[in-house]
Amino acid sequence: MLKVTLVKSTIGCQENQKANVAALGLKKIRDVKMHEDTPQIRGMIKKVSHLVEVEEN
């Protein structure tokens, strides 16, 4: 499982990055969601790596 935390705002980001953050289930700064460790989720995290923090559990 991956623990994904939004640490920076999406203001000023590209639309596809905002969509990725929303698809990860993150809305506000410091929101935390747990996701299965799949290639699809890893790809989404890679696109917004400058906005999120990831911890492996």
Protein backbone atom coordinates (compact mmCIF):
# COMPACT_ATOMS: atom_id res chain seq x y z
CA MET A 1 0.00 0.00 0.00
CA LEU A 2 1.07 3.56 -0.71
CA LYS A 3 0.22 6.50 1.55
CA VAL A 4 -0.11 9.59 -0.65
CA THR A 5 -0.20 13.07 0.94
CA LEU A 6 -0.84 16.35 -0.89
CA VAL A 7 1.82 18.81 0.33
CA LYS A 8 1.56 21.64 -2.22
CA SER A 9 -1.35 23.46 -3.80
CA THR A 10 -2.53 22.78 -7.34
CA ILE A 11 -3.02 26.49 -8.01
CA GLY A 12 -1.09 27.40 -11.13
CA CYS A 13 -0.64 23.77 -12.20
CA GLN A 14 -1.57 22.38 -15.58
CA GLU A 15 -5.07 20.93 -15.97
CA ASN A 16 -3.80 17.37 -16.40
CA GLN A 17 -1.89 17.64 -13.11
CA LYS A 18 -4.99 18.92 -11.32
CA ALA A 19 -6.94 16.00 -12.80
CA ASN A 20 -4.33 13.51 -11.55
CA VAL A 21 -4.47 14.94 -8.02
CA ALA A 22 -8.27 14.71 -8.08
CA ALA A 23 -8.13 11.14 -9.44
CA LEU A 24 -5.87 10.21 -6.53
CA GLY A 25 -8.66 11.44 -4.24
CA LEU A 26 -6.77 14.44 -2.86
CA LYS A 27 -8.65 17.72 -2.43
CA LYS A 28 -6.92 19.85 0.20
CA ILE A 29 -3.35 20.25 1.38
CA ARG A 30 -2.45 17.53 3.92
CA ASP A 31 -5.15 15.19 2.57
CA VAL A 32 -3.98 11.58 2.88
CA LYS A 33 -5.20 8.59 0.83
CA MET A 34 -4.11 4.97 0.75
CA HIS A 35 -3.73 3.28 -2.65
CA GLU A 36 -2.68 -0.14 -3.87
CA ASP A 37 0.85 -0.21 -5.31
CA THR A 38 0.05 -0.63 -9.02
CA PRO A 39 1.82 0.67 -12.14
CA GLN A 40 -1.17 2.92 -12.87
CA ILE A 41 -1.04 4.61 -9.46
CA ARG A 42 2.77 4.91 -9.68
CA GLY A 43 2.40 6.69 -13.05
CA MET A 44 -0.15 9.13 -11.64
CA ILE A 45 2.12 9.87 -8.68
CA LYS A 46 5.09 10.41 -10.99
CA LYS A 47 3.15 13.08 -12.93
CA VAL A 48 2.53 15.08 -9.74
CA SER A 49 5.62 14.09 -7.73
CA HIS A 50 6.40 17.75 -7.00
CA LEU A 51 3.00 18.13 -5.27
CA VAL A 52 2.75 14.93 -3.24
CA GLU A 53 4.67 12.90 -0.68
CA VAL A 54 4.59 9.10 -0.86
CA GLU A 55 5.26 6.56 1.90
CA GLU A 56 5.26 2.80 1.43
CA ASN A 57 3.45 0.73 4.06
